[in-house]
């Protein structure tokens, strides 16, 4: 029996966005917000969390990614403001949102979700919400503090970047945190560019 691989499909962020998010995390830490912060180099835009997959499924997943990517040209996103999940009453996750070509992003994610369902990966029950997880809040937190953070960081400068590929990542959980490695990649392009 082969060992399973914990994996997800995501869009990698450019270094300039990672640097901005690192600075935001440092600023939030200085406010004594009790959170376990995601290592900046591990922050990414998840399109689909697959969980534990069999190594034999990597090629099928790669094909589904390639098919979804063929119908989607590269698109632009901007880093948006700060929010929390599930809400202000009991915040557990602090995240940064997006602006830009969200219709294109949602179309890509939906197409990918459909193609993966066709090869046996269950669709998500919740609607997709594009976000970057910055940290997981520990314990109780003052709602006024969270409101203040959301107001002060409602705009992270509109830093724009181009998304031009999707990546299947392996996630190995270590005592020091998750370590991600790339298994497959699919470049975004419209079909009429395939001459």
N, C-alpha and C. Protein backbone atom coordinates (compact mmCIF):
# COMPACT_ATOMS: atom_id res chain seq x y z
N UNK A 1 0.85 -1.19 0.00
CA UNK A 1 0.00 0.00 0.00
C UNK A 1 0.89 1.24 0.00
N UNK A 2 0.62 2.18 -0.91
CA UNK A 2 1.45 3.37 -0.99
C UNK A 2 1.02 4.40 0.05
N UNK A 3 1.98 5.18 0.49
CA UNK A 3 1.72 6.21 1.47
C UNK A 3 1.03 7.40 0.79
N UNK A 4 0.04 7.99 1.47
CA UNK A 4 -0.66 9.13 0.90
C UNK A 4 0.15 10.41 1.06
N UNK A 5 -0.22 11.41 0.25
CA UNK A 5 0.46 12.69 0.24
C UNK A 5 -0.56 13.78 0.54
N UNK A 6 -0.31 14.58 1.55
CA UNK A 6 -1.18 15.71 1.86
C UNK A 6 -0.91 16.78 0.82
N UNK A 7 -1.96 17.29 0.17
CA UNK A 7 -1.72 18.19 -0.96
C UNK A 7 -2.83 19.21 -1.15
N UNK A 8 -2.50 20.24 -1.93
CA UNK A 8 -3.45 21.28 -2.28
C UNK A 8 -3.00 21.94 -3.58
N UNK A 9 -3.93 22.63 -4.24
CA UNK A 9 -3.63 23.37 -5.47
C UNK A 9 -3.74 24.85 -5.14
N UNK A 10 -2.73 25.62 -5.56
CA UNK A 10 -2.71 27.03 -5.18
C UNK A 10 -2.01 27.88 -6.23
N UNK A 11 -2.14 29.18 -6.05
CA UNK A 11 -1.39 30.18 -6.81
C UNK A 11 -0.29 30.69 -5.88
N UNK A 12 0.92 30.63 -6.37
CA UNK A 12 2.07 31.12 -5.62
C UNK A 12 2.12 32.64 -5.70
N UNK A 13 2.60 33.27 -4.65
CA UNK A 13 2.66 34.73 -4.59
C UNK A 13 4.07 35.23 -4.90
N UNK A 14 4.18 36.38 -5.55
CA UNK A 14 5.51 36.93 -5.80
C UNK A 14 6.15 37.44 -4.50
N UNK A 15 7.47 37.57 -4.52
CA UNK A 15 8.22 37.98 -3.33
C UNK A 15 7.75 39.32 -2.77
N UNK A 16 7.37 40.25 -3.64
CA UNK A 16 6.94 41.58 -3.17
C UNK A 16 5.66 41.47 -2.34
N UNK A 17 4.77 40.56 -2.69
CA UNK A 17 3.54 40.35 -1.91
C UNK A 17 3.88 39.67 -0.58
N UNK A 18 4.77 38.69 -0.62
CA UNK A 18 5.19 38.00 0.60
C UNK A 18 5.81 39.01 1.58
N UNK A 19 6.63 39.92 1.07
CA UNK A 19 7.27 40.94 1.92
C UNK A 19 6.22 41.85 2.57
N UNK A 20 5.20 42.24 1.80
CA UNK A 20 4.13 43.07 2.34
C UNK A 20 3.39 42.33 3.46
N UNK A 21 3.05 41.06 3.21
CA UNK A 21 2.30 40.29 4.21
C UNK A 21 3.14 40.05 5.46
N UNK A 22 4.43 39.87 5.31
CA UNK A 22 5.35 39.72 6.44
C UNK A 22 5.31 40.98 7.30
N UNK A 23 5.34 42.14 6.65
CA UNK A 23 5.29 43.43 7.37
C UNK A 23 3.96 43.56 8.10
N UNK A 24 2.86 43.20 7.46
CA UNK A 24 1.54 43.27 8.11
C UNK A 24 1.52 42.36 9.34
N UNK A 25 2.04 41.13 9.21
CA UNK A 25 2.07 40.21 10.35
C UNK A 25 2.88 40.81 11.50
N UNK A 26 4.01 41.43 11.20
CA UNK A 26 4.83 42.05 12.25
C UNK A 26 4.06 43.18 12.92
N UNK A 27 3.37 44.00 12.12
CA UNK A 27 2.56 45.09 12.69
C UNK A 27 1.47 44.54 13.61
N UNK A 28 0.80 43.49 13.16
CA UNK A 28 -0.28 42.91 13.97
C UNK A 28 0.26 42.26 15.25
N UNK A 29 1.43 41.65 15.15
CA UNK A 29 2.07 41.06 16.34
C UNK A 29 2.36 42.13 17.38
N UNK A 30 2.74 43.31 16.92
CA UNK A 30 3.07 44.40 17.85
C UNK A 30 1.82 44.89 18.59
N UNK A 31 0.63 44.59 18.08
CA UNK A 31 -0.62 44.96 18.75
C UNK A 31 -1.01 43.92 19.80
N UNK A 32 -0.13 42.96 20.01
CA UNK A 32 -0.32 41.87 20.99
C UNK A 32 -1.56 41.02 20.68
N UNK A 33 -1.81 40.88 19.39
CA UNK A 33 -2.86 39.97 18.96
C UNK A 33 -2.31 38.56 19.10
N UNK A 34 -2.94 37.75 19.93
CA UNK A 34 -2.45 36.39 20.15
C UNK A 34 -2.85 35.52 18.97
N UNK A 35 -1.85 35.16 18.18
CA UNK A 35 -2.12 34.35 16.99
C UNK A 35 -0.90 33.50 16.68
N UNK A 36 -1.15 32.39 16.02
CA UNK A 36 -0.06 31.58 15.46
C UNK A 36 0.04 32.02 14.01
N UNK A 37 1.11 32.71 13.68
CA UNK A 37 1.27 33.30 12.36
C UNK A 37 1.80 32.28 11.36
N UNK A 38 1.25 32.33 10.17
CA UNK A 38 1.74 31.49 9.07
C UNK A 38 3.08 32.06 8.63
N UNK A 39 4.07 31.19 8.42
CA UNK A 39 5.35 31.67 7.92
C UNK A 39 5.11 32.35 6.57
N UNK A 40 5.65 33.57 6.39
CA UNK A 40 5.37 34.31 5.16
C UNK A 40 5.63 33.52 3.88
N UNK A 41 6.71 32.74 3.85
CA UNK A 41 7.01 31.97 2.63
C UNK A 41 5.99 30.86 2.38
N UNK A 42 5.14 30.56 3.36
CA UNK A 42 4.11 29.54 3.20
C UNK A 42 2.74 30.11 2.83
N UNK A 43 2.63 31.44 2.73
CA UNK A 43 1.35 32.04 2.39
C UNK A 43 1.12 31.91 0.88
N UNK A 44 -0.06 31.46 0.51
CA UNK A 44 -0.40 31.22 -0.89
C UNK A 44 -1.91 31.36 -1.05
N UNK A 45 -2.38 31.43 -2.27
CA UNK A 45 -3.81 31.50 -2.55
C UNK A 45 -4.30 30.10 -2.92
N UNK A 46 -4.92 29.44 -1.96
CA UNK A 46 -5.41 28.08 -2.19
C UNK A 46 -6.63 28.10 -3.10
N UNK A 47 -6.60 27.24 -4.11
CA UNK A 47 -7.75 27.05 -4.99
C UNK A 47 -8.55 25.82 -4.59
N UNK A 48 -7.82 24.79 -4.12
CA UNK A 48 -8.49 23.54 -3.73
C UNK A 48 -7.59 22.76 -2.78
N UNK A 49 -8.09 22.48 -1.59
CA UNK A 49 -7.39 21.60 -0.66
C UNK A 49 -7.83 20.18 -0.96
N UNK A 50 -6.89 19.32 -1.28
CA UNK A 50 -7.22 17.95 -1.67
C UNK A 50 -7.15 16.97 -0.51
N UNK A 51 -6.41 17.32 0.53
CA UNK A 51 -6.22 16.39 1.64
C UNK A 51 -5.21 15.33 1.26
N UNK A 52 -5.37 14.14 1.79
CA UNK A 52 -4.43 13.05 1.53
C UNK A 52 -4.80 12.35 0.22
N UNK A 53 -3.87 12.38 -0.72
CA UNK A 53 -4.09 11.74 -2.02
C UNK A 53 -3.14 10.58 -2.20
N UNK A 54 -3.50 9.68 -3.09
CA UNK A 54 -2.60 8.59 -3.45
C UNK A 54 -1.61 9.10 -4.49
N UNK A 55 -0.34 8.70 -4.40
CA UNK A 55 0.65 9.14 -5.39
C UNK A 55 0.20 8.84 -6.83
N UNK A 56 -0.56 7.77 -7.02
CA UNK A 56 -1.03 7.40 -8.35
C UNK A 56 -2.02 8.40 -8.94
N UNK A 57 -2.56 9.29 -8.11
CA UNK A 57 -3.53 10.29 -8.59
C UNK A 57 -2.87 11.58 -9.07
N UNK A 58 -1.57 11.74 -8.86
CA UNK A 58 -0.89 12.99 -9.21
C UNK A 58 -1.04 13.31 -10.69
N UNK A 59 -0.88 12.33 -11.56
CA UNK A 59 -0.98 12.59 -13.01
C UNK A 59 -2.40 13.01 -13.40
N UNK A 60 -3.42 12.35 -12.82
CA UNK A 60 -4.82 12.72 -13.11
C UNK A 60 -5.11 14.14 -12.64
N UNK A 61 -4.61 14.48 -11.47
CA UNK A 61 -4.80 15.83 -10.94
C UNK A 61 -4.09 16.84 -11.85
N UNK A 62 -2.87 16.50 -12.26
CA UNK A 62 -2.12 17.37 -13.18
C UNK A 62 -2.86 17.61 -14.48
N UNK A 63 -3.50 16.56 -15.01
CA UNK A 63 -4.28 16.70 -16.25
C UNK A 63 -5.48 17.60 -16.04
N UNK A 64 -6.16 17.47 -14.90
CA UNK A 64 -7.31 18.33 -14.59
C UNK A 64 -6.86 19.78 -14.47
N UNK A 65 -5.71 20.00 -13.85
CA UNK A 65 -5.15 21.35 -13.73
C UNK A 65 -4.84 21.94 -15.10
N UNK A 66 -4.20 21.14 -15.95
CA UNK A 66 -3.83 21.61 -17.29
C UNK A 66 -5.07 21.97 -18.09
N UNK A 67 -6.12 21.13 -18.02
CA UNK A 67 -7.35 21.39 -18.75
C UNK A 67 -8.02 22.68 -18.27
N UNK A 68 -8.04 22.90 -16.96
CA UNK A 68 -8.63 24.13 -16.41
C UNK A 68 -7.79 25.34 -16.82
N UNK A 69 -6.48 25.20 -16.80
CA UNK A 69 -5.58 26.31 -17.11
C UNK A 69 -5.64 26.72 -18.57
N UNK A 70 -5.93 25.75 -19.47
CA UNK A 70 -5.99 26.05 -20.91
C UNK A 70 -7.03 27.09 -21.25
N UNK A 71 -8.10 27.13 -20.50
CA UNK A 71 -9.18 28.07 -20.79
C UNK A 71 -9.10 29.38 -20.05
N UNK A 72 -7.97 29.66 -19.42
CA UNK A 72 -7.86 30.85 -18.58
C UNK A 72 -6.56 31.59 -18.87
N UNK A 73 -6.66 32.80 -19.36
CA UNK A 73 -5.47 33.62 -19.59
C UNK A 73 -4.94 34.13 -18.24
N UNK A 74 -3.66 34.48 -18.17
CA UNK A 74 -3.14 35.10 -16.94
C UNK A 74 -4.00 36.30 -16.55
N UNK A 75 -4.14 36.54 -15.26
CA UNK A 75 -5.00 37.62 -14.78
C UNK A 75 -4.34 38.34 -13.61
N UNK A 76 -4.84 39.55 -13.33
CA UNK A 76 -4.25 40.38 -12.28
C UNK A 76 -5.10 40.37 -11.03
N UNK A 77 -4.42 40.33 -9.90
CA UNK A 77 -5.06 40.44 -8.59
C UNK A 77 -4.38 41.56 -7.82
N UNK A 78 -5.09 42.14 -6.87
CA UNK A 78 -4.51 43.11 -5.95
C UNK A 78 -4.76 42.63 -4.53
N UNK A 79 -3.79 42.86 -3.67
CA UNK A 79 -3.94 42.46 -2.27
C UNK A 79 -4.90 43.45 -1.62
N UNK A 80 -5.94 42.92 -0.98
CA UNK A 80 -6.97 43.76 -0.36
C UNK A 80 -6.76 43.92 1.13
N UNK A 81 -7.85 44.12 1.85
CA UNK A 81 -7.79 44.38 3.28
C UNK A 81 -7.84 43.14 4.14
N UNK A 82 -7.87 43.37 5.44
CA UNK A 82 -7.86 42.31 6.45
C UNK A 82 -9.29 41.94 6.83
N UNK A 83 -9.51 40.64 7.04
CA UNK A 83 -10.79 40.14 7.52
C UNK A 83 -10.57 38.98 8.48
N UNK A 84 -11.65 38.43 9.01
CA UNK A 84 -11.56 37.29 9.93
C UNK A 84 -12.64 36.26 9.59
N UNK A 85 -12.30 35.01 9.85
CA UNK A 85 -13.27 33.91 9.77
C UNK A 85 -13.47 33.37 11.19
N UNK A 86 -14.63 32.88 11.56
CA UNK A 86 -15.86 32.92 10.78
C UNK A 86 -16.55 34.28 10.85
N UNK A 87 -16.19 35.13 11.80
CA UNK A 87 -16.78 36.46 11.90
C UNK A 87 -16.28 37.17 13.15
N UNK A 88 -16.76 38.38 13.38
CA UNK A 88 -16.31 39.18 14.51
C UNK A 88 -16.69 38.60 15.86
N UNK A 89 -17.80 37.85 15.93
CA UNK A 89 -18.24 37.32 17.22
C UNK A 89 -17.22 36.35 17.82
N UNK A 90 -16.61 35.55 16.93
CA UNK A 90 -15.65 34.57 17.42
C UNK A 90 -14.57 34.35 16.36
N UNK A 91 -13.71 35.34 16.17
CA UNK A 91 -12.69 35.23 15.11
C UNK A 91 -11.68 34.13 15.41
N UNK A 92 -11.40 33.33 14.40
CA UNK A 92 -10.44 32.23 14.55
C UNK A 92 -9.28 32.36 13.56
N UNK A 93 -9.55 32.93 12.38
CA UNK A 93 -8.54 33.07 11.34
C UNK A 93 -8.50 34.53 10.91
N UNK A 94 -7.30 35.08 10.81
CA UNK A 94 -7.14 36.44 10.28
C UNK A 94 -6.52 36.31 8.90
N UNK A 95 -7.09 37.03 7.93
CA UNK A 95 -6.70 36.85 6.54
C UNK A 95 -6.64 38.17 5.79
N UNK A 96 -5.98 38.14 4.63
CA UNK A 96 -5.99 39.27 3.70
C UNK A 96 -6.80 38.85 2.48
N UNK A 97 -7.57 39.78 1.96
CA UNK A 97 -8.42 39.50 0.82
C UNK A 97 -7.83 40.00 -0.48
N UNK A 98 -8.67 40.02 -1.52
CA UNK A 98 -8.23 40.36 -2.87
C UNK A 98 -9.18 41.31 -3.56
N UNK A 99 -8.62 42.02 -4.54
CA UNK A 99 -9.37 42.77 -5.53
C UNK A 99 -8.80 42.36 -6.88
N UNK A 100 -9.21 43.04 -7.94
CA UNK A 100 -8.69 42.72 -9.27
C UNK A 100 -9.66 41.85 -10.05
N UNK A 101 -9.09 40.97 -10.87
CA UNK A 101 -9.88 40.11 -11.78
C UNK A 101 -10.50 38.92 -11.03
N UNK A 102 -11.37 39.24 -10.07
CA UNK A 102 -11.95 38.17 -9.24
C UNK A 102 -12.89 37.27 -10.03
N UNK A 103 -13.55 37.81 -11.04
CA UNK A 103 -14.44 36.99 -11.87
C UNK A 103 -13.63 35.90 -12.58
N UNK A 104 -12.46 36.26 -13.06
CA UNK A 104 -11.59 35.28 -13.73
C UNK A 104 -11.10 34.25 -12.73
N UNK A 105 -10.66 34.72 -11.56
CA UNK A 105 -10.19 33.81 -10.50
C UNK A 105 -11.29 32.82 -10.11
N UNK A 106 -12.49 33.33 -9.89
CA UNK A 106 -13.60 32.44 -9.49
C UNK A 106 -13.96 31.46 -10.59
N UNK A 107 -13.89 31.90 -11.84
CA UNK A 107 -14.15 30.99 -12.96
C UNK A 107 -13.11 29.88 -13.02
N UNK A 108 -11.85 30.23 -12.83
CA UNK A 108 -10.78 29.23 -12.82
C UNK A 108 -10.99 28.24 -11.68
N UNK A 109 -11.28 28.75 -10.50
CA UNK A 109 -11.47 27.87 -9.34
C UNK A 109 -12.67 26.95 -9.55
N UNK A 110 -13.76 27.48 -10.11
CA UNK A 110 -14.96 26.68 -10.36
C UNK A 110 -14.68 25.58 -11.40
N UNK A 111 -13.98 25.95 -12.47
CA UNK A 111 -13.64 24.98 -13.51
C UNK A 111 -12.74 23.88 -12.94
N UNK A 112 -11.76 24.28 -12.15
CA UNK A 112 -10.86 23.31 -11.52
C UNK A 112 -11.65 22.38 -10.59
N UNK A 113 -12.53 22.95 -9.80
CA UNK A 113 -13.37 22.17 -8.87
C UNK A 113 -14.19 21.14 -9.64
N UNK A 114 -14.80 21.54 -10.75
CA UNK A 114 -15.61 20.63 -11.56
C UNK A 114 -14.76 19.50 -12.14
N UNK A 115 -13.59 19.84 -12.67
CA UNK A 115 -12.72 18.83 -13.28
C UNK A 115 -12.21 17.83 -12.24
N UNK A 116 -11.90 18.34 -11.05
CA UNK A 116 -11.45 17.44 -9.98
C UNK A 116 -12.59 16.55 -9.48
N UNK A 117 -13.80 17.07 -9.45
CA UNK A 117 -14.96 16.25 -9.07
C UNK A 117 -15.14 15.11 -10.06
N UNK A 118 -14.84 15.38 -11.33
CA UNK A 118 -14.95 14.36 -12.36
C UNK A 118 -13.97 13.21 -12.21
N UNK A 119 -12.92 13.41 -11.42
CA UNK A 119 -11.95 12.32 -11.18
C UNK A 119 -11.99 11.83 -9.72
N UNK A 120 -13.08 12.20 -9.02
CA UNK A 120 -13.30 11.61 -7.70
C UNK A 120 -13.01 12.46 -6.49
N UNK A 121 -12.71 13.76 -6.66
CA UNK A 121 -12.46 14.63 -5.51
C UNK A 121 -13.72 15.45 -5.23
N UNK A 122 -14.28 15.26 -4.04
CA UNK A 122 -15.56 15.88 -3.69
C UNK A 122 -15.48 17.40 -3.75
N UNK A 123 -16.59 18.01 -4.20
CA UNK A 123 -16.67 19.47 -4.23
C UNK A 123 -16.83 19.99 -2.80
N UNK A 124 -16.39 21.22 -2.60
CA UNK A 124 -16.56 21.89 -1.31
C UNK A 124 -18.04 22.21 -1.10
N UNK A 125 -18.47 22.14 0.14
CA UNK A 125 -19.85 22.49 0.47
C UNK A 125 -20.04 24.00 0.58
N UNK A 126 -18.96 24.69 1.00
CA UNK A 126 -19.04 26.15 1.18
C UNK A 126 -18.62 26.85 -0.10
N UNK A 127 -19.16 28.05 -0.32
CA UNK A 127 -18.71 28.82 -1.49
C UNK A 127 -17.24 29.21 -1.32
N UNK A 128 -16.54 29.28 -2.43
CA UNK A 128 -15.13 29.63 -2.42
C UNK A 128 -14.96 31.11 -2.09
N UNK A 129 -14.03 31.40 -1.19
CA UNK A 129 -13.70 32.79 -0.87
C UNK A 129 -12.19 32.94 -0.94
N UNK A 130 -11.72 33.70 -1.91
CA UNK A 130 -10.29 33.89 -2.10
C UNK A 130 -9.72 34.68 -0.93
N UNK A 131 -8.70 34.12 -0.28
CA UNK A 131 -8.07 34.80 0.85
C UNK A 131 -6.67 34.24 1.08
N UNK A 132 -5.90 34.98 1.83
CA UNK A 132 -4.56 34.55 2.25
C UNK A 132 -4.57 34.45 3.76
N UNK A 133 -4.41 33.26 4.30
CA UNK A 133 -4.41 33.09 5.75
C UNK A 133 -3.11 33.66 6.32
N UNK A 134 -3.25 34.64 7.20
CA UNK A 134 -2.09 35.25 7.85
C UNK A 134 -1.80 34.59 9.19
N UNK A 135 -2.85 34.21 9.92
CA UNK A 135 -2.63 33.60 11.22
C UNK A 135 -3.91 33.02 11.77
N UNK A 136 -3.73 32.18 12.79
CA UNK A 136 -4.87 31.57 13.48
C UNK A 136 -4.89 32.12 14.90
N UNK A 137 -6.00 32.74 15.26
CA UNK A 137 -6.12 33.43 16.54
C UNK A 137 -6.25 32.41 17.66
N UNK A 138 -5.50 32.65 18.72
CA UNK A 138 -5.51 31.76 19.89
C UNK A 138 -6.33 32.39 21.00
N UNK A 139 -7.29 31.65 21.50
CA UNK A 139 -8.06 32.12 22.65
C UNK A 139 -8.99 33.27 22.32
N UNK A 140 -9.49 33.89 23.38
CA UNK A 140 -10.43 35.00 23.23
C UNK A 140 -9.68 36.24 22.76
N UNK A 141 -10.40 37.07 22.03
CA UNK A 141 -9.81 38.32 21.53
C UNK A 141 -10.85 39.42 21.65
N UNK A 142 -10.40 40.60 21.95
CA UNK A 142 -11.27 41.75 22.09
C UNK A 142 -11.82 42.13 20.71
N UNK A 143 -13.14 42.14 20.59
CA UNK A 143 -13.77 42.47 19.29
C UNK A 143 -13.40 43.86 18.82
N UNK A 144 -13.25 44.79 19.77
CA UNK A 144 -12.89 46.16 19.40
C UNK A 144 -11.51 46.18 18.75
N UNK A 145 -10.60 45.33 19.23
CA UNK A 145 -9.25 45.25 18.65
C UNK A 145 -9.35 44.74 17.21
N UNK A 146 -10.16 43.71 17.00
CA UNK A 146 -10.31 43.16 15.65
C UNK A 146 -10.94 44.19 14.73
N UNK A 147 -11.98 44.90 15.20
CA UNK A 147 -12.60 45.96 14.40
C UNK A 147 -11.58 47.03 14.01
N UNK A 148 -10.76 47.42 14.99
CA UNK A 148 -9.73 48.43 14.74
C UNK A 148 -8.74 47.95 13.67
N UNK A 149 -8.31 46.70 13.78
CA UNK A 149 -7.38 46.13 12.81
C UNK A 149 -8.01 46.13 11.41
N UNK A 150 -9.26 45.71 11.33
CA UNK A 150 -9.93 45.64 10.03
C UNK A 150 -10.09 47.04 9.42
N UNK A 151 -10.31 48.06 10.26
CA UNK A 151 -10.42 49.42 9.74
C UNK A 151 -9.07 49.96 9.31
N UNK A 152 -8.05 49.77 10.16
CA UNK A 152 -6.71 50.29 9.85
C UNK A 152 -6.09 49.61 8.64
N UNK A 153 -6.43 48.34 8.45
CA UNK A 153 -5.86 47.57 7.34
C UNK A 153 -6.92 47.23 6.29
N UNK A 154 -7.85 48.15 6.09
CA UNK A 154 -8.89 47.91 5.09
C UNK A 154 -8.33 47.98 3.67
N UNK A 155 -7.17 48.60 3.54
CA UNK A 155 -6.50 48.71 2.24
C UNK A 155 -5.01 48.49 2.46
N UNK A 156 -4.47 47.46 1.84
CA UNK A 156 -3.04 47.17 1.99
C UNK A 156 -2.23 47.76 0.84
N UNK A 157 -2.74 48.83 0.26
CA UNK A 157 -1.97 49.52 -0.77
C UNK A 157 -2.29 49.09 -2.19
N UNK A 158 -3.17 48.12 -2.35
CA UNK A 158 -3.56 47.69 -3.70
C UNK A 158 -2.41 47.12 -4.52
N UNK A 159 -1.46 46.48 -3.85
CA UNK A 159 -0.32 45.89 -4.54
C UNK A 159 -0.82 44.85 -5.55
N UNK A 160 -0.49 45.04 -6.84
CA UNK A 160 -0.99 44.18 -7.91
C UNK A 160 0.07 43.17 -8.34
N UNK A 161 -0.41 42.01 -8.76
CA UNK A 161 0.48 40.98 -9.32
C UNK A 161 -0.30 40.16 -10.34
N UNK A 162 0.43 39.50 -11.23
CA UNK A 162 -0.18 38.68 -12.27
C UNK A 162 -0.11 37.21 -11.87
N UNK A 163 -1.25 36.53 -11.97
CA UNK A 163 -1.31 35.08 -11.74
C UNK A 163 -1.23 34.40 -13.09
N UNK A 164 -0.21 33.58 -13.29
CA UNK A 164 -0.03 32.95 -14.60
C UNK A 164 0.15 31.44 -14.54
N UNK A 165 0.00 30.85 -13.35
CA UNK A 165 0.09 29.39 -13.25
C UNK A 165 -0.54 28.92 -11.96
N UNK A 166 -0.94 27.65 -11.96
CA UNK A 166 -1.44 27.00 -10.75
C UNK A 166 -0.52 25.83 -10.44
N UNK A 167 -0.39 25.54 -9.15
CA UNK A 167 0.60 24.56 -8.71
C UNK A 167 -0.04 23.55 -7.76
N UNK A 168 0.28 22.29 -7.96
CA UNK A 168 -0.07 21.23 -7.01
C UNK A 168 1.08 21.12 -6.03
N UNK A 169 0.80 21.39 -4.76
CA UNK A 169 1.81 21.33 -3.71
C UNK A 169 1.64 20.11 -2.83
N UNK A 170 2.74 19.59 -2.40
CA UNK A 170 2.79 18.57 -1.34
C UNK A 170 3.01 19.33 -0.04
N UNK A 171 2.33 18.93 1.01
CA UNK A 171 2.48 19.57 2.32
C UNK A 171 2.94 18.53 3.32
N UNK A 172 4.17 18.69 3.80
CA UNK A 172 4.72 17.81 4.83
C UNK A 172 4.69 18.54 6.16
N UNK A 173 3.99 17.98 7.13
CA UNK A 173 3.88 18.61 8.44
C UNK A 173 5.07 18.22 9.30
N UNK A 174 5.82 19.23 9.74
CA UNK A 174 7.01 19.05 10.57
C UNK A 174 6.78 19.76 11.90
N UNK A 175 7.57 19.42 12.93
CA UNK A 175 7.43 20.13 14.20
C UNK A 175 7.63 21.65 14.05
N UNK A 176 8.45 22.06 13.10
CA UNK A 176 8.72 23.48 12.89
C UNK A 176 7.66 24.16 12.01
N UNK A 177 6.71 23.39 11.49
CA UNK A 177 5.67 23.92 10.62
C UNK A 177 5.61 23.15 9.31
N UNK A 178 4.65 23.51 8.47
CA UNK A 178 4.48 22.83 7.18
C UNK A 178 5.60 23.20 6.22
N UNK A 179 6.02 22.20 5.44
CA UNK A 179 7.00 22.43 4.38
C UNK A 179 6.32 22.03 3.07
N UNK A 180 6.31 22.97 2.11
CA UNK A 180 5.64 22.75 0.84
C UNK A 180 6.64 22.48 -0.27
N UNK A 181 6.31 21.53 -1.13
CA UNK A 181 7.13 21.27 -2.31
C UNK A 181 6.20 21.08 -3.51
N UNK A 182 6.67 21.52 -4.67
CA UNK A 182 5.86 21.50 -5.88
C UNK A 182 5.87 20.11 -6.51
N UNK A 183 4.67 19.62 -6.85
CA UNK A 183 4.53 18.32 -7.53
C UNK A 183 4.22 18.49 -9.02
N UNK A 184 3.34 19.44 -9.35
CA UNK A 184 2.92 19.69 -10.73
C UNK A 184 2.62 21.17 -10.88
N UNK A 185 2.70 21.64 -12.12
CA UNK A 185 2.37 23.02 -12.43
C UNK A 185 1.64 23.06 -13.76
N UNK A 186 0.69 24.00 -13.88
CA UNK A 186 -0.02 24.22 -15.14
C UNK A 186 -0.04 25.71 -15.42
N UNK A 187 0.47 26.10 -16.59
CA UNK A 187 0.50 27.50 -16.99
C UNK A 187 -0.86 27.92 -17.53
N UNK A 188 -1.29 29.12 -17.13
CA UNK A 188 -2.56 29.66 -17.63
C UNK A 188 -2.37 30.17 -19.05
N UNK A 189 -3.34 29.88 -19.90
CA UNK A 189 -3.31 30.36 -21.28
C UNK A 189 -4.67 30.07 -21.91
N UNK A 190 -5.07 30.92 -22.81
CA UNK A 190 -6.33 30.65 -23.52
C UNK A 190 -6.06 29.66 -24.62
N UNK A 191 -7.07 28.90 -24.98
CA UNK A 191 -6.89 27.84 -25.98
C UNK A 191 -6.42 28.37 -27.32
N UNK A 192 -6.85 29.58 -27.70
CA UNK A 192 -6.45 30.08 -29.01
C UNK A 192 -5.00 30.59 -29.03
N UNK A 193 -4.28 30.45 -27.91
CA UNK A 193 -2.85 30.76 -27.87
C UNK A 193 -2.00 29.50 -28.04
N UNK A 194 -2.63 28.39 -28.29
CA UNK A 194 -1.93 27.10 -28.34
C UNK A 194 -1.45 26.74 -29.73
N UNK A 195 -1.14 27.70 -30.56
CA UNK A 195 -0.70 27.38 -31.94
C UNK A 195 0.72 26.94 -31.96
